[in-house]
Amino acid sequence: MTLVYLNGQFMPVAEAKVSPMDRGFLFGDGAYEVIPVYSRRPFRLAEHLRRLQGTLDGIRLANPHSDAEWARLIGEIIARNEGEDQSVYLQITRGADTRRNHAFPARVTLTVFILSEPLVTPPPAQRDTGIGAVSAPDVRWLRCDLKTTSLLANCLLRQLAVDAGCVETILFRDGCMTEGAASNIFAMKNGVLLAPPKNHLMLPGITYDVVLELAASHGLKCEVRDVLEEEVRGADELWMTSSTKEVLPIVVLDGQPVGTGQPGPTFRKMYAWYQDFKQTVMRAGE
């Protein structure tokens, strides 16, 4: 039985109830984080909480807990649920008001929710044969660096991939790649790893950081800069990364093969480096 945390209490997920007047329900007025847990240890909790604080500051929402309090609550939700590897989702909304009004209420009690689910990584077939992706214009708002619960645009863009039998949608804005609908995207070209820079047009991914760190530590040349659409379409390799997808090779984009149409040699190196990092660092809680 899945146990969740809601506004100060732990309870079965079926018993968790939120007011229909909650601004998260009415407006998507909230922030969230997804934290991977390996061997019951949350990975880079400090970085996730720092990103959460950045989102809360961006939407003018007070943080209901200190980092120490978050660590205690997250540790307790992990302990109360089964599985050595989990995915912890936490969400804070501006809470319920007495009436529907776009302006912030003068007084409100925040809604705080924490859920743990099994951490499911991609099946071996996706790693071994690669995945397909489609592309689309990035029509989202201009604060994609904020991890808010207002994700309708991302859902619509991700559904384009599902409709095409693919896994992800790669987004372009003003001739440059921003990210995926629910991931960060990397391109390999002529032995150089290309990554778009962190700015307001993309979510600063924790796994994005890990990939760049691993590339640097193993001597793989990297360039963090604007990545042109033509560079993406002409890449030797494309990868998508996220906390749950880890690193996956994209071998088809809009029906056309990426490189040889097979997972590339640099991806295979990165995947091996990532798995070693997971075993030696992530599972150690570092």
Protein backbone atom coordinates (compact mmCIF):
# COMPACT_ATOMS: atom_id res chain seq x y z
CA MET A 1 0.00 0.00 0.00
CA THR A 2 1.40 3.37 -1.05
CA LEU A 3 1.65 5.89 1.78
CA VAL A 4 1.82 9.60 1.01
CA TYR A 5 2.34 12.78 2.99
CA LEU A 6 -0.29 15.52 2.81
CA ASN A 7 -0.31 18.63 4.96
CA GLY A 8 1.36 17.19 8.02
CA GLN A 9 -0.01 13.65 7.92
CA PHE A 10 1.02 10.32 6.40
CA MET A 11 -1.86 8.34 4.93
CA PRO A 12 -2.77 5.80 2.22
CA VAL A 13 -2.85 7.48 -1.17
CA ALA A 14 -6.56 6.61 -1.57
CA GLU A 15 -7.36 8.71 1.50
CA ALA A 16 -5.48 11.83 0.38
CA LYS A 17 -7.93 14.63 -0.49
CA VAL A 18 -7.41 18.20 -1.69
CA SER A 19 -10.00 20.97 -1.91
CA PRO A 20 -11.35 21.71 -5.40
CA MET A 21 -10.63 25.35 -4.54
CA ASP A 22 -6.91 24.61 -4.29
CA ARG A 23 -5.02 26.94 -6.62
CA GLY A 24 -2.92 24.03 -7.81
CA PHE A 25 -6.11 22.42 -9.10
CA LEU A 26 -7.62 25.64 -10.49
CA PHE A 27 -4.55 27.37 -11.91
CA GLY A 28 -1.58 24.99 -11.78
CA ASP A 29 -0.25 27.45 -9.18
CA GLY A 30 2.52 25.39 -7.61
CA ALA A 31 6.01 23.95 -7.75
CA TYR A 32 7.27 20.39 -7.77
CA GLU A 33 10.39 18.24 -7.73
CA VAL A 34 11.14 14.61 -8.64
CA ILE A 35 13.99 13.05 -6.68
CA PRO A 36 15.44 9.66 -7.61
CA VAL A 37 16.23 7.36 -4.71
CA TYR A 38 18.86 4.63 -4.98
CA SER A 39 19.28 2.03 -2.23
CA ARG A 40 16.91 4.20 -0.14
CA ARG A 41 19.19 7.24 -0.46
CA PRO A 42 17.91 10.35 -2.27
CA PHE A 43 20.33 11.45 -4.98
CA ARG A 44 21.64 15.01 -4.82
CA LEU A 45 18.92 16.12 -2.46
CA ALA A 46 20.62 19.46 -1.84
CA GLU A 47 20.62 20.24 -5.57
CA HIS A 48 16.95 19.27 -5.91
CA LEU A 49 16.00 21.44 -2.95
CA ARG A 50 18.03 24.32 -4.38
CA ARG A 51 16.13 24.00 -7.67
CA LEU A 52 12.86 23.84 -5.74
CA GLN A 53 13.76 27.06 -3.93
CA GLY A 54 14.50 28.72 -7.25
CA THR A 55 11.07 27.76 -8.55
CA LEU A 56 9.33 28.92 -5.35
CA ASP A 57 11.15 32.25 -5.55
CA GLY A 58 10.19 32.56 -9.22
CA ILE A 59 6.48 32.11 -8.52
CA ARG A 60 6.54 34.14 -5.28
CA LEU A 61 5.65 31.23 -3.02
CA ALA A 62 7.12 30.82 0.46
CA ASN A 63 9.01 27.61 1.17
CA PRO A 64 7.05 25.79 3.89
CA HIS A 65 10.08 23.87 5.18
CA SER A 66 13.78 24.21 5.79
CA ASP A 67 16.16 21.90 3.96
CA ALA A 68 16.54 19.85 7.15
CA GLU A 69 12.77 19.47 7.46
CA TRP A 70 12.46 18.43 3.81
CA ALA A 71 15.22 15.87 4.32
CA ARG A 72 13.39 14.43 7.32
CA LEU A 73 10.04 14.22 5.49
CA ILE A 74 11.58 12.71 2.37
CA GLY A 75 13.50 10.19 4.47
CA GLU A 76 10.30 9.22 6.24
CA ILE A 77 8.29 8.77 3.03
CA ILE A 78 11.10 6.56 1.69
CA ALA A 79 11.10 4.49 4.87
CA ARG A 80 7.31 4.07 4.84
CA ASN A 81 7.22 2.71 1.26
CA GLU A 82 8.61 -0.43 -0.30
CA GLY A 83 11.51 -0.64 -2.71
CA GLU A 84 15.20 0.09 -2.55
CA ASP A 85 14.91 2.40 -5.58
CA GLN A 86 12.11 4.95 -5.51
CA SER A 87 11.00 8.14 -7.22
CA VAL A 88 9.91 10.80 -4.73
CA TYR A 89 7.55 13.47 -6.02
CA LEU A 90 6.93 16.55 -3.89
CA GLN A 91 4.54 19.37 -4.68
CA ILE A 92 3.69 22.67 -3.04
CA THR A 93 0.72 24.75 -4.15
CA ARG A 94 -0.53 28.12 -2.97
CA GLY A 95 -3.42 26.30 -1.30
CA ALA A 96 -7.18 26.76 -1.26
CA ASP A 97 -8.90 30.13 -1.40
CA THR A 98 -12.56 30.89 -0.66
CA ARG A 99 -13.21 32.01 -4.24
CA ARG A 100 -11.68 31.58 -7.67
CA ASN A 101 -9.54 34.65 -8.29
CA HIS A 102 -6.40 35.01 -10.39
CA ALA A 103 -4.76 37.37 -7.88
CA PHE A 104 -2.93 35.81 -4.95
CA PRO A 105 -5.07 35.47 -1.81
CA ALA A 106 -4.07 37.64 1.14
CA ARG A 107 -3.95 34.65 3.46
CA VAL A 108 -3.60 31.04 2.48
CA THR A 109 -2.36 27.74 3.89
CA LEU A 110 -0.05 26.01 1.44
CA THR A 111 -0.79 22.49 0.27
CA VAL A 112 2.23 20.20 0.67
CA PHE A 113 2.16 16.73 -0.90
CA ILE A 114 4.85 14.03 -1.10
CA LEU A 115 4.48 10.76 -3.00
CA SER A 116 6.86 7.84 -3.49
CA GLU A 117 6.60 5.46 -6.44
CA PRO A 118 8.91 2.69 -7.68
CA LEU A 119 11.80 4.06 -9.72
CA VAL A 120 11.36 2.37 -13.09
CA THR A 121 14.30 2.72 -15.47
CA PRO A 122 14.04 2.15 -19.25
CA PRO A 123 13.90 -1.45 -20.52
CA PRO A 124 17.13 -2.84 -22.01
CA ALA A 125 15.63 -2.76 -25.51
CA GLN A 126 15.45 1.04 -25.48
CA ARG A 127 19.11 1.21 -24.51
CA ASP A 128 20.24 -1.45 -26.97
CA THR A 129 18.25 -0.40 -30.04
CA GLY A 130 17.50 3.24 -29.28
CA ILE A 131 14.30 5.25 -29.35
CA GLY A 132 12.45 7.48 -31.78
CA ALA A 133 11.67 11.17 -31.37
CA VAL A 134 9.71 13.82 -33.20
CA SER A 135 10.30 17.56 -33.21
CA ALA A 136 8.05 20.56 -32.65
CA PRO A 137 8.26 24.32 -32.13
CA ASP A 138 8.73 25.19 -28.47
CA VAL A 139 5.46 27.00 -27.79
CA ARG A 140 5.77 27.03 -23.99
CA TRP A 141 6.03 30.14 -21.85
CA LEU A 142 9.36 31.90 -21.30
CA ARG A 143 10.13 30.61 -17.79
CA CYS A 144 10.87 26.97 -18.57
CA ASP A 145 13.60 27.05 -15.90
CA LEU A 146 10.86 27.01 -13.25
CA LYS A 147 9.62 23.53 -12.34
CA THR A 148 5.95 24.41 -11.97
CA THR A 149 2.87 22.22 -12.02
CA SER A 150 1.55 24.13 -15.06
CA LEU A 151 2.58 21.42 -17.53
CA LEU A 152 -0.22 21.36 -20.10
CA ALA A 153 2.05 22.57 -22.92
CA ASN A 154 4.61 19.88 -22.07
CA CYS A 155 1.86 17.24 -22.00
CA LEU A 156 0.59 18.28 -25.43
CA LEU A 157 4.10 18.26 -26.87
CA ARG A 158 4.91 14.88 -25.33
CA GLN A 159 1.68 13.47 -26.73
CA LEU A 160 2.93 14.31 -30.23
CA ALA A 161 5.66 11.72 -29.65
CA VAL A 162 3.22 9.17 -28.27
CA ASP A 163 0.91 9.66 -31.27
CA ALA A 164 3.87 8.94 -33.57
CA GLY A 165 4.93 5.83 -31.64
CA CYS A 166 7.98 7.64 -30.27
CA VAL A 167 9.33 8.37 -26.80
CA GLU A 168 10.15 12.10 -26.82
CA THR A 169 9.59 15.40 -28.61
CA ILE A 170 12.63 17.60 -29.24
CA LEU A 171 11.79 21.29 -29.04
CA PHE A 172 13.18 24.16 -31.14
CA ARG A 173 12.83 27.89 -30.59
CA ASP A 174 14.23 30.57 -32.91
CA GLY A 175 16.35 28.03 -34.77
CA CYS A 176 17.94 26.47 -31.69
CA MET A 177 17.21 23.38 -29.61
CA THR A 178 15.92 24.04 -26.11
CA GLU A 179 15.16 20.60 -24.59
CA GLY A 180 12.72 17.72 -24.78
CA ALA A 181 9.11 17.84 -23.64
CA ALA A 182 10.18 16.01 -20.46
CA SER A 183 13.95 15.69 -20.75
CA ASN A 184 17.20 17.39 -21.62
CA ILE A 185 18.75 16.66 -25.03
CA PHE A 186 22.41 16.28 -26.01
CA ALA A 187 23.94 16.04 -29.50
CA MET A 188 27.24 14.48 -30.58
CA LYS A 189 28.95 15.90 -33.66
CA ASN A 190 32.49 15.19 -34.82
CA GLY A 191 33.54 13.90 -31.40
CA VAL A 192 32.16 16.89 -29.48
CA LEU A 193 29.25 16.73 -27.04
CA LEU A 194 26.90 19.69 -27.61
CA ALA A 195 24.56 20.88 -24.85
CA PRO A 196 22.27 23.91 -24.75
CA PRO A 197 23.13 26.35 -21.94
CA LYS A 198 21.08 26.68 -18.80
CA ASN A 199 18.80 29.67 -19.18
CA HIS A 200 15.14 30.59 -18.85
CA LEU A 201 14.23 28.44 -21.88
CA MET A 202 15.09 25.05 -20.35
CA LEU A 203 14.84 23.22 -17.06
CA PRO A 204 18.23 22.92 -15.33
CA GLY A 205 18.32 19.13 -15.14
CA ILE A 206 20.17 17.29 -12.38
CA THR A 207 20.95 14.43 -14.80
CA TYR A 208 22.10 17.06 -17.33
CA ASP A 209 24.71 18.10 -14.76
CA VAL A 210 25.78 14.49 -14.18
CA VAL A 211 26.28 13.86 -17.91
CA LEU A 212 28.46 16.97 -18.31
CA GLU A 213 30.47 16.03 -15.20
CA LEU A 214 31.04 12.51 -16.50
CA ALA A 215 32.03 13.82 -19.91
CA ALA A 216 34.56 16.20 -18.35
CA SER A 217 36.02 13.57 -16.01
CA HIS A 218 36.53 11.12 -18.89
CA GLY A 219 38.02 13.62 -21.31
CA LEU A 220 35.08 13.89 -23.67
CA LYS A 221 35.15 17.31 -25.32
CA CYS A 222 32.03 19.38 -24.58
CA GLU A 223 30.57 22.65 -25.78
CA VAL A 224 27.77 24.24 -23.79
CA ARG A 225 26.23 26.74 -26.18
CA ASP A 226 23.25 27.36 -28.41
CA VAL A 227 22.76 24.22 -30.51
CA LEU A 228 21.34 24.98 -33.94
CA GLU A 229 18.46 22.95 -35.33
CA GLU A 230 20.59 21.97 -38.32
CA GLU A 231 23.24 20.62 -35.94
CA VAL A 232 20.63 18.47 -34.23
CA ARG A 233 19.29 17.12 -37.50
CA GLY A 234 22.82 16.43 -38.72
CA ALA A 235 24.13 15.00 -35.44
CA ASP A 236 26.12 11.79 -35.25
CA GLU A 237 24.27 10.89 -32.04
CA LEU A 238 21.39 12.29 -29.99
CA TRP A 239 20.66 11.48 -26.34
CA MET A 240 17.82 12.27 -23.99
CA THR A 241 18.42 12.44 -20.24
CA SER A 242 16.25 12.66 -17.13
CA SER A 243 16.17 11.31 -13.60
CA THR A 244 13.97 8.37 -14.58
CA LYS A 245 15.15 7.81 -18.18
CA GLU A 246 18.84 8.18 -17.20
CA VAL A 247 20.56 8.37 -20.64
CA LEU A 248 18.87 7.03 -23.76
CA PRO A 249 19.99 7.11 -27.42
CA ILE A 250 17.66 8.72 -29.95
CA VAL A 251 18.22 6.90 -33.25
CA VAL A 252 15.31 8.30 -35.31
CA LEU A 253 14.14 11.91 -35.50
CA ASP A 254 11.03 12.76 -37.52
CA GLY A 255 11.32 9.44 -39.32
CA GLN A 256 14.94 10.01 -40.38
CA PRO A 257 17.89 8.07 -38.93
CA VAL A 258 20.23 9.85 -36.54
CA GLY A 259 23.78 9.06 -37.61
CA THR A 260 23.89 5.35 -38.47
CA GLY A 261 20.42 4.80 -37.05
CA GLN A 262 21.91 2.79 -34.18
CA PRO A 263 23.10 3.74 -30.68
CA GLY A 264 26.50 5.31 -31.18
CA PRO A 265 29.85 4.45 -29.61
CA THR A 266 29.98 7.57 -27.46
CA PHE A 267 26.53 6.82 -26.07
CA ARG A 268 27.71 3.35 -25.08
CA LYS A 269 30.65 4.88 -23.23
CA MET A 270 28.43 7.43 -21.51
CA TYR A 271 25.93 4.75 -20.53
CA ALA A 272 28.71 2.67 -18.97
CA TRP A 273 30.10 5.71 -17.14
CA TYR A 274 26.62 6.56 -15.87
CA GLN A 275 25.93 3.05 -14.58
CA ASP A 276 29.29 2.96 -12.82
CA PHE A 277 28.51 6.35 -11.29
CA LYS A 278 25.13 5.07 -10.14
CA GLN A 279 26.65 2.06 -8.41
CA THR A 280 29.58 3.86 -6.78
CA VAL A 281 28.17 7.31 -6.04
CA MET A 282 24.36 7.42 -6.29
CA ARG A 283 23.88 4.30 -4.19
CA ALA A 284 26.30 5.67 -1.64
CA GLY A 285 24.07 8.69 -1.17
CA GLU A 286 26.67 11.18 -2.42
